[in-house]
Amino acid sequence: MTIQELAEQSLANLLTSLGFVGEIETTDEAGVICLNITSPDSKYIIGSEGDRLDDLQYLVNRMIQKKQADAPRVKVDCDHYRERNESRILEKARSLAERVLASGKPMKMQPLNAYHRRLVHNTLQTIEGITTESEDGDARYKRITIRRV
């Protein structure tokens, strides 16, 4: 059984155990196995701001790593929620960066997890005259400050 098949089977078993029905589409994006669930129960699978997806993703990754320690990372999505959410966050970041360039005043984004902060930092690196920094601390969700160079 391949890692992709193992990931898909692990997610399917979790969904069935939780009483959900759905179809799983598997893709590979740059070494990351992506599992997208299509389900009439998507709002329950996604949860509040994707927190249930995060939980499912964590469990699937743990289940796979237990069987194969060097397994690639698995990303779990439902009805392309994560894709739309990431797009929205990056659009907001670009918009704030343009406002910072126009006004010269630094602006802060809403608190983001580490993955989303990395996306924002990498995206705004390409905008000339803009720099970004995350606040210090041990909090899971942190704000990014966008300012002129």
N, C-alpha and C. Protein backbone atom coordinates (compact mmCIF):
# COMPACT_ATOMS: atom_id res chain seq x y z
N MET A 1 0.85 -1.18 0.00
CA MET A 1 0.00 0.00 0.00
C MET A 1 0.89 1.24 0.00
N THR A 2 0.61 2.19 -0.91
CA THR A 2 1.40 3.42 -0.98
C THR A 2 1.01 4.36 0.17
N ILE A 3 1.84 5.37 0.39
CA ILE A 3 1.56 6.36 1.43
C ILE A 3 0.27 7.11 1.10
N GLN A 4 0.07 7.42 -0.17
CA GLN A 4 -1.17 8.11 -0.58
C GLN A 4 -2.40 7.27 -0.24
N GLU A 5 -2.32 5.98 -0.56
CA GLU A 5 -3.45 5.09 -0.26
C GLU A 5 -3.67 4.98 1.25
N LEU A 6 -2.57 4.91 2.00
CA LEU A 6 -2.66 4.84 3.45
C LEU A 6 -3.30 6.11 4.03
N ALA A 7 -2.90 7.26 3.50
CA ALA A 7 -3.45 8.53 3.95
C ALA A 7 -4.94 8.61 3.66
N GLU A 8 -5.31 8.22 2.44
CA GLU A 8 -6.72 8.26 2.04
C GLU A 8 -7.56 7.29 2.88
N GLN A 9 -7.04 6.10 3.11
CA GLN A 9 -7.75 5.10 3.91
C GLN A 9 -7.88 5.57 5.36
N SER A 10 -6.83 6.17 5.92
CA SER A 10 -6.87 6.67 7.29
C SER A 10 -7.94 7.74 7.45
N LEU A 11 -7.98 8.68 6.50
CA LEU A 11 -8.99 9.73 6.56
C LEU A 11 -10.40 9.17 6.39
N ALA A 12 -10.56 8.25 5.44
CA ALA A 12 -11.87 7.63 5.22
C ALA A 12 -12.36 6.91 6.48
N ASN A 13 -11.46 6.19 7.15
CA ASN A 13 -11.82 5.50 8.39
C ASN A 13 -12.24 6.48 9.48
N LEU A 14 -11.50 7.60 9.60
CA LEU A 14 -11.85 8.62 10.59
C LEU A 14 -13.24 9.20 10.31
N LEU A 15 -13.47 9.55 9.04
CA LEU A 15 -14.77 10.14 8.67
C LEU A 15 -15.92 9.17 8.96
N THR A 16 -15.72 7.91 8.60
CA THR A 16 -16.75 6.89 8.83
C THR A 16 -17.00 6.73 10.33
N SER A 17 -15.93 6.68 11.11
CA SER A 17 -16.07 6.54 12.57
C SER A 17 -16.83 7.71 13.18
N LEU A 18 -16.67 8.89 12.58
CA LEU A 18 -17.35 10.09 13.08
C LEU A 18 -18.77 10.24 12.53
N GLY A 19 -19.15 9.33 11.63
CA GLY A 19 -20.51 9.35 11.08
C GLY A 19 -20.69 10.25 9.86
N PHE A 20 -19.61 10.62 9.20
CA PHE A 20 -19.69 11.47 8.02
C PHE A 20 -19.55 10.65 6.75
N VAL A 21 -20.17 11.12 5.68
CA VAL A 21 -20.00 10.52 4.37
C VAL A 21 -19.33 11.56 3.48
N GLY A 22 -18.57 11.09 2.53
CA GLY A 22 -17.91 12.01 1.61
C GLY A 22 -16.96 11.26 0.70
N GLU A 23 -16.55 11.95 -0.33
CA GLU A 23 -15.58 11.41 -1.27
C GLU A 23 -14.26 12.13 -1.06
N ILE A 24 -13.17 11.39 -1.21
CA ILE A 24 -11.84 11.96 -0.99
C ILE A 24 -11.08 11.97 -2.31
N GLU A 25 -10.60 13.14 -2.68
CA GLU A 25 -9.76 13.30 -3.88
C GLU A 25 -8.33 13.50 -3.40
N THR A 26 -7.40 12.74 -3.94
CA THR A 26 -6.00 12.80 -3.51
C THR A 26 -5.14 13.39 -4.61
N THR A 27 -4.31 14.38 -4.24
CA THR A 27 -3.34 14.96 -5.17
C THR A 27 -2.00 15.07 -4.45
N ASP A 28 -0.96 15.31 -5.22
CA ASP A 28 0.38 15.49 -4.66
C ASP A 28 0.88 16.85 -5.12
N GLU A 29 1.15 17.73 -4.15
CA GLU A 29 1.65 19.07 -4.46
C GLU A 29 3.02 19.26 -3.83
N ALA A 30 4.04 19.17 -4.66
CA ALA A 30 5.43 19.39 -4.21
C ALA A 30 5.79 18.53 -3.00
N GLY A 31 5.45 17.25 -3.08
CA GLY A 31 5.81 16.32 -2.01
C GLY A 31 4.85 16.30 -0.83
N VAL A 32 3.78 17.08 -0.89
CA VAL A 32 2.77 17.09 0.16
C VAL A 32 1.53 16.38 -0.38
N ILE A 33 1.07 15.38 0.34
CA ILE A 33 -0.15 14.67 -0.07
C ILE A 33 -1.35 15.51 0.35
N CYS A 34 -2.18 15.86 -0.62
CA CYS A 34 -3.36 16.69 -0.34
C CYS A 34 -4.61 15.84 -0.50
N LEU A 35 -5.41 15.80 0.57
CA LEU A 35 -6.67 15.06 0.57
C LEU A 35 -7.80 16.07 0.66
N ASN A 36 -8.65 16.14 -0.37
CA ASN A 36 -9.78 17.05 -0.34
C ASN A 36 -11.07 16.24 -0.23
N ILE A 37 -11.84 16.55 0.81
CA ILE A 37 -13.10 15.86 1.07
C ILE A 37 -14.23 16.64 0.42
N THR A 38 -15.11 15.95 -0.28
CA THR A 38 -16.34 16.54 -0.79
C THR A 38 -17.46 15.85 -0.04
N SER A 39 -18.25 16.65 0.71
CA SER A 39 -19.26 16.05 1.57
C SER A 39 -20.44 16.99 1.78
N PRO A 40 -21.64 16.42 1.94
CA PRO A 40 -22.78 17.26 2.29
C PRO A 40 -22.66 17.76 3.74
N ASP A 41 -21.77 17.17 4.51
CA ASP A 41 -21.55 17.57 5.91
C ASP A 41 -20.35 18.51 6.06
N SER A 42 -19.97 19.19 4.98
CA SER A 42 -18.73 19.96 4.98
C SER A 42 -18.64 20.99 6.09
N LYS A 43 -19.74 21.66 6.44
CA LYS A 43 -19.64 22.69 7.49
C LYS A 43 -19.27 22.07 8.84
N TYR A 44 -19.66 20.83 9.07
CA TYR A 44 -19.30 20.16 10.33
C TYR A 44 -17.87 19.63 10.28
N ILE A 45 -17.45 19.19 9.10
CA ILE A 45 -16.09 18.68 8.94
C ILE A 45 -15.08 19.83 9.03
N ILE A 46 -15.43 20.99 8.47
CA ILE A 46 -14.54 22.16 8.50
C ILE A 46 -14.47 22.75 9.90
N GLY A 47 -15.60 22.88 10.55
CA GLY A 47 -15.64 23.45 11.90
C GLY A 47 -15.53 24.96 11.86
N SER A 48 -15.30 25.53 13.01
CA SER A 48 -15.17 26.98 13.14
C SER A 48 -13.79 27.41 12.67
N GLU A 49 -13.75 28.15 11.58
CA GLU A 49 -12.50 28.65 11.01
C GLU A 49 -11.49 27.54 10.71
N GLY A 50 -11.98 26.36 10.34
CA GLY A 50 -11.10 25.26 9.94
C GLY A 50 -10.49 24.47 11.07
N ASP A 51 -10.97 24.67 12.31
CA ASP A 51 -10.34 23.97 13.43
C ASP A 51 -10.54 22.46 13.37
N ARG A 52 -11.67 21.99 12.89
CA ARG A 52 -11.89 20.54 12.77
C ARG A 52 -11.00 19.96 11.67
N LEU A 53 -10.78 20.71 10.60
CA LEU A 53 -9.87 20.25 9.54
C LEU A 53 -8.46 20.10 10.11
N ASP A 54 -8.06 21.06 10.94
CA ASP A 54 -6.74 20.97 11.58
C ASP A 54 -6.63 19.70 12.43
N ASP A 55 -7.71 19.40 13.15
CA ASP A 55 -7.72 18.20 13.99
C ASP A 55 -7.62 16.92 13.15
N LEU A 56 -8.41 16.86 12.08
CA LEU A 56 -8.37 15.68 11.19
C LEU A 56 -6.98 15.54 10.56
N GLN A 57 -6.42 16.66 10.13
CA GLN A 57 -5.09 16.65 9.51
C GLN A 57 -4.05 16.13 10.50
N TYR A 58 -4.11 16.61 11.72
CA TYR A 58 -3.18 16.15 12.76
C TYR A 58 -3.30 14.64 12.96
N LEU A 59 -4.53 14.16 13.09
CA LEU A 59 -4.75 12.73 13.33
C LEU A 59 -4.26 11.87 12.16
N VAL A 60 -4.56 12.30 10.94
CA VAL A 60 -4.12 11.53 9.76
C VAL A 60 -2.59 11.48 9.71
N ASN A 61 -1.95 12.62 9.95
CA ASN A 61 -0.48 12.64 9.95
C ASN A 61 0.10 11.72 11.02
N ARG A 62 -0.49 11.73 12.21
CA ARG A 62 -0.01 10.84 13.29
C ARG A 62 -0.20 9.37 12.92
N MET A 63 -1.35 9.05 12.34
CA MET A 63 -1.63 7.66 11.97
C MET A 63 -0.63 7.16 10.93
N ILE A 64 -0.30 8.00 9.97
CA ILE A 64 0.64 7.61 8.91
C ILE A 64 2.06 7.51 9.46
N GLN A 65 2.46 8.48 10.27
CA GLN A 65 3.82 8.47 10.81
C GLN A 65 4.05 7.30 11.76
N LYS A 66 2.98 6.80 12.34
CA LYS A 66 3.12 5.63 13.21
C LYS A 66 3.51 4.40 12.38
N LYS A 67 3.00 4.35 11.14
CA LYS A 67 3.31 3.22 10.27
C LYS A 67 4.58 3.43 9.47
N GLN A 68 4.89 4.70 9.15
CA GLN A 68 6.11 5.00 8.41
C GLN A 68 6.65 6.35 8.89
N ALA A 69 7.71 6.31 9.66
CA ALA A 69 8.24 7.50 10.34
C ALA A 69 8.64 8.63 9.39
N ASP A 70 9.13 8.30 8.20
CA ASP A 70 9.59 9.34 7.27
C ASP A 70 8.54 9.69 6.21
N ALA A 71 7.29 9.44 6.52
CA ALA A 71 6.20 9.73 5.57
C ALA A 71 6.10 11.23 5.30
N PRO A 72 5.73 11.60 4.07
CA PRO A 72 5.55 13.02 3.76
C PRO A 72 4.35 13.59 4.51
N ARG A 73 4.31 14.91 4.60
CA ARG A 73 3.22 15.59 5.28
C ARG A 73 1.92 15.44 4.48
N VAL A 74 0.80 15.36 5.20
CA VAL A 74 -0.51 15.25 4.58
C VAL A 74 -1.32 16.50 4.93
N LYS A 75 -1.94 17.08 3.92
CA LYS A 75 -2.79 18.25 4.10
C LYS A 75 -4.23 17.82 3.86
N VAL A 76 -5.12 18.08 4.82
CA VAL A 76 -6.53 17.70 4.70
C VAL A 76 -7.37 18.96 4.48
N ASP A 77 -8.20 18.93 3.44
CA ASP A 77 -9.08 20.05 3.10
C ASP A 77 -10.49 19.52 2.88
N CYS A 78 -11.45 20.40 2.89
CA CYS A 78 -12.84 20.00 2.65
C CYS A 78 -13.49 21.05 1.76
N ASP A 79 -13.99 20.61 0.61
CA ASP A 79 -14.61 21.51 -0.37
C ASP A 79 -13.72 22.72 -0.66
N HIS A 80 -12.41 22.50 -0.69
CA HIS A 80 -11.38 23.51 -1.01
C HIS A 80 -11.44 24.71 -0.07
N TYR A 81 -11.86 24.50 1.17
CA TYR A 81 -11.95 25.57 2.17
C TYR A 81 -10.58 26.22 2.42
N ARG A 82 -9.56 25.40 2.65
CA ARG A 82 -8.23 25.94 2.96
C ARG A 82 -7.71 26.78 1.80
N GLU A 83 -7.92 26.29 0.60
CA GLU A 83 -7.47 27.01 -0.60
C GLU A 83 -8.11 28.40 -0.66
N ARG A 84 -9.42 28.46 -0.45
CA ARG A 84 -10.14 29.75 -0.49
C ARG A 84 -9.68 30.66 0.66
N ASN A 85 -9.48 30.07 1.84
CA ASN A 85 -9.07 30.84 3.02
C ASN A 85 -7.67 31.42 2.82
N GLU A 86 -6.74 30.63 2.31
CA GLU A 86 -5.38 31.11 2.06
C GLU A 86 -5.40 32.24 1.04
N SER A 87 -6.21 32.09 0.02
CA SER A 87 -6.34 33.12 -1.01
C SER A 87 -6.85 34.43 -0.40
N ARG A 88 -7.85 34.31 0.46
CA ARG A 88 -8.43 35.50 1.12
C ARG A 88 -7.40 36.19 2.01
N ILE A 89 -6.63 35.41 2.77
CA ILE A 89 -5.61 35.98 3.66
C ILE A 89 -4.54 36.71 2.86
N LEU A 90 -4.08 36.09 1.77
CA LEU A 90 -3.03 36.71 0.96
C LEU A 90 -3.54 37.97 0.26
N GLU A 91 -4.79 37.96 -0.16
CA GLU A 91 -5.37 39.15 -0.79
C GLU A 91 -5.44 40.29 0.23
N LYS A 92 -5.83 39.98 1.46
CA LYS A 92 -5.89 40.98 2.54
C LYS A 92 -4.48 41.53 2.81
N ALA A 93 -3.48 40.65 2.83
CA ALA A 93 -2.11 41.07 3.09
C ALA A 93 -1.61 42.01 1.99
N ARG A 94 -1.89 41.67 0.72
CA ARG A 94 -1.48 42.54 -0.39
C ARG A 94 -2.17 43.90 -0.31
N SER A 95 -3.44 43.89 0.04
CA SER A 95 -4.20 45.13 0.18
C SER A 95 -3.62 46.01 1.28
N LEU A 96 -3.31 45.40 2.43
CA LEU A 96 -2.71 46.16 3.53
C LEU A 96 -1.34 46.70 3.12
N ALA A 97 -0.56 45.92 2.39
CA ALA A 97 0.76 46.36 1.94
C ALA A 97 0.65 47.58 1.03
N GLU A 98 -0.34 47.58 0.16
CA GLU A 98 -0.54 48.73 -0.72
C GLU A 98 -0.96 49.96 0.08
N ARG A 99 -1.77 49.76 1.10
CA ARG A 99 -2.18 50.87 1.97
C ARG A 99 -0.98 51.41 2.75
N VAL A 100 -0.09 50.51 3.19
CA VAL A 100 1.12 50.94 3.90
C VAL A 100 2.02 51.74 2.97
N LEU A 101 2.19 51.29 1.72
CA LEU A 101 3.01 52.03 0.76
C LEU A 101 2.43 53.42 0.51
N ALA A 102 1.10 53.52 0.43
CA ALA A 102 0.45 54.80 0.15
C ALA A 102 0.50 55.75 1.35
N SER A 103 0.27 55.22 2.55
CA SER A 103 0.17 56.07 3.74
C SER A 103 1.48 56.20 4.51
N GLY A 104 2.32 55.20 4.40
CA GLY A 104 3.57 55.19 5.17
C GLY A 104 3.38 54.71 6.60
N LYS A 105 2.15 54.46 7.01
CA LYS A 105 1.87 54.02 8.37
C LYS A 105 1.87 52.50 8.44
N PRO A 106 2.55 51.92 9.44
CA PRO A 106 2.54 50.45 9.59
C PRO A 106 1.12 49.96 9.92
N MET A 107 0.82 48.75 9.48
CA MET A 107 -0.48 48.15 9.75
C MET A 107 -0.27 46.72 10.22
N LYS A 108 -1.23 46.25 11.04
CA LYS A 108 -1.16 44.88 11.56
C LYS A 108 -2.28 44.05 10.97
N MET A 109 -1.96 42.79 10.74
CA MET A 109 -2.96 41.83 10.28
C MET A 109 -3.62 41.18 11.49
N GLN A 110 -4.70 40.45 11.24
CA GLN A 110 -5.33 39.69 12.31
C GLN A 110 -4.37 38.59 12.75
N PRO A 111 -4.53 38.05 13.95
CA PRO A 111 -3.65 36.97 14.41
C PRO A 111 -3.73 35.75 13.47
N LEU A 112 -2.56 35.21 13.12
CA LEU A 112 -2.47 34.08 12.19
C LEU A 112 -1.63 32.97 12.80
N ASN A 113 -1.90 31.73 12.36
CA ASN A 113 -1.06 30.62 12.80
C ASN A 113 0.26 30.64 12.02
N ALA A 114 1.20 29.80 12.40
CA ALA A 114 2.54 29.81 11.82
C ALA A 114 2.52 29.57 10.30
N TYR A 115 1.70 28.66 9.85
CA TYR A 115 1.63 28.36 8.42
C TYR A 115 1.17 29.58 7.63
N HIS A 116 0.11 30.24 8.08
CA HIS A 116 -0.40 31.41 7.38
C HIS A 116 0.57 32.58 7.46
N ARG A 117 1.26 32.74 8.59
CA ARG A 117 2.27 33.80 8.70
C ARG A 117 3.39 33.58 7.68
N ARG A 118 3.82 32.34 7.54
CA ARG A 118 4.87 32.04 6.57
C ARG A 118 4.42 32.39 5.15
N LEU A 119 3.17 32.05 4.82
CA LEU A 119 2.63 32.40 3.49
C LEU A 119 2.65 33.91 3.27
N VAL A 120 2.20 34.66 4.28
CA VAL A 120 2.15 36.11 4.16
C VAL A 120 3.55 36.70 4.02
N HIS A 121 4.48 36.27 4.87
CA HIS A 121 5.86 36.78 4.78
C HIS A 121 6.44 36.52 3.39
N ASN A 122 6.27 35.30 2.88
CA ASN A 122 6.82 34.95 1.57
C ASN A 122 6.16 35.74 0.45
N THR A 123 4.85 35.97 0.54
CA THR A 123 4.14 36.70 -0.50
C THR A 123 4.54 38.17 -0.50
N LEU A 124 4.62 38.78 0.66
CA LEU A 124 4.92 40.21 0.73
C LEU A 124 6.40 40.52 0.50
N GLN A 125 7.25 39.50 0.56
CA GLN A 125 8.67 39.68 0.24
C GLN A 125 8.85 40.17 -1.18
N THR A 126 7.91 39.83 -2.04
CA THR A 126 8.02 40.19 -3.46
C THR A 126 7.59 41.62 -3.73
N ILE A 127 7.03 42.31 -2.74
CA ILE A 127 6.59 43.70 -2.93
C ILE A 127 7.71 44.63 -2.48
N GLU A 128 8.23 45.41 -3.43
CA GLU A 128 9.35 46.30 -3.15
C GLU A 128 8.91 47.43 -2.21
N GLY A 129 9.74 47.70 -1.20
CA GLY A 129 9.46 48.78 -0.27
C GLY A 129 8.68 48.35 0.96
N ILE A 130 8.39 47.05 1.06
CA ILE A 130 7.60 46.52 2.18
C ILE A 130 8.45 45.53 2.97
N THR A 131 8.31 45.58 4.28
CA THR A 131 8.93 44.57 5.15
C THR A 131 7.86 44.09 6.14
N THR A 132 8.02 42.87 6.60
CA THR A 132 7.05 42.29 7.54
C THR A 132 7.79 41.72 8.74
N GLU A 133 7.10 41.70 9.87
CA GLU A 133 7.66 41.04 11.05
C GLU A 133 6.52 40.52 11.91
N SER A 134 6.79 39.37 12.52
CA SER A 134 5.81 38.77 13.44
C SER A 134 6.14 39.25 14.85
N GLU A 135 5.09 39.36 15.66
CA GLU A 135 5.34 39.76 17.04
C GLU A 135 6.02 38.63 17.80
N ASP A 136 6.74 39.00 18.85
CA ASP A 136 7.43 38.01 19.68
C ASP A 136 6.43 37.33 20.61
N GLY A 137 6.86 36.23 21.18
CA GLY A 137 6.03 35.54 22.17
C GLY A 137 5.80 34.09 21.80
N ASP A 138 5.16 33.39 22.72
CA ASP A 138 4.91 31.96 22.55
C ASP A 138 3.51 31.65 22.09
N ALA A 139 2.71 32.67 21.80
CA ALA A 139 1.32 32.45 21.40
C ALA A 139 1.28 31.67 20.08
N ARG A 140 0.27 30.86 19.93
CA ARG A 140 0.10 30.07 18.70
C ARG A 140 -0.30 30.98 17.53
N TYR A 141 -1.12 31.96 17.82
CA TYR A 141 -1.57 32.91 16.80
C TYR A 141 -0.90 34.26 17.08
N LYS A 142 -0.23 34.79 16.07
CA LYS A 142 0.48 36.07 16.22
C LYS A 142 0.11 37.00 15.08
N ARG A 143 0.26 38.29 15.33
CA ARG A 143 0.01 39.31 14.32
C ARG A 143 1.27 39.62 13.53
N ILE A 144 1.09 39.93 12.26
CA ILE A 144 2.19 40.38 11.42
C ILE A 144 2.03 41.88 11.26
N THR A 145 3.14 42.61 11.45
CA THR A 145 3.15 44.04 11.20
C THR A 145 3.77 44.26 9.82
N ILE A 146 3.06 45.02 9.01
CA ILE A 146 3.53 45.36 7.66
C ILE A 146 3.95 46.82 7.69
N ARG A 147 5.20 47.10 7.26
CA ARG A 147 5.67 48.50 7.26
C ARG A 147 6.54 48.77 6.04
N ARG A 148 6.73 50.06 5.81
CA ARG A 148 7.63 50.47 4.74
C ARG A 148 9.08 50.21 5.15
N VAL A 149 9.91 50.00 4.16
CA VAL A 149 11.35 49.80 4.42
C VAL A 149 11.99 51.14 4.70
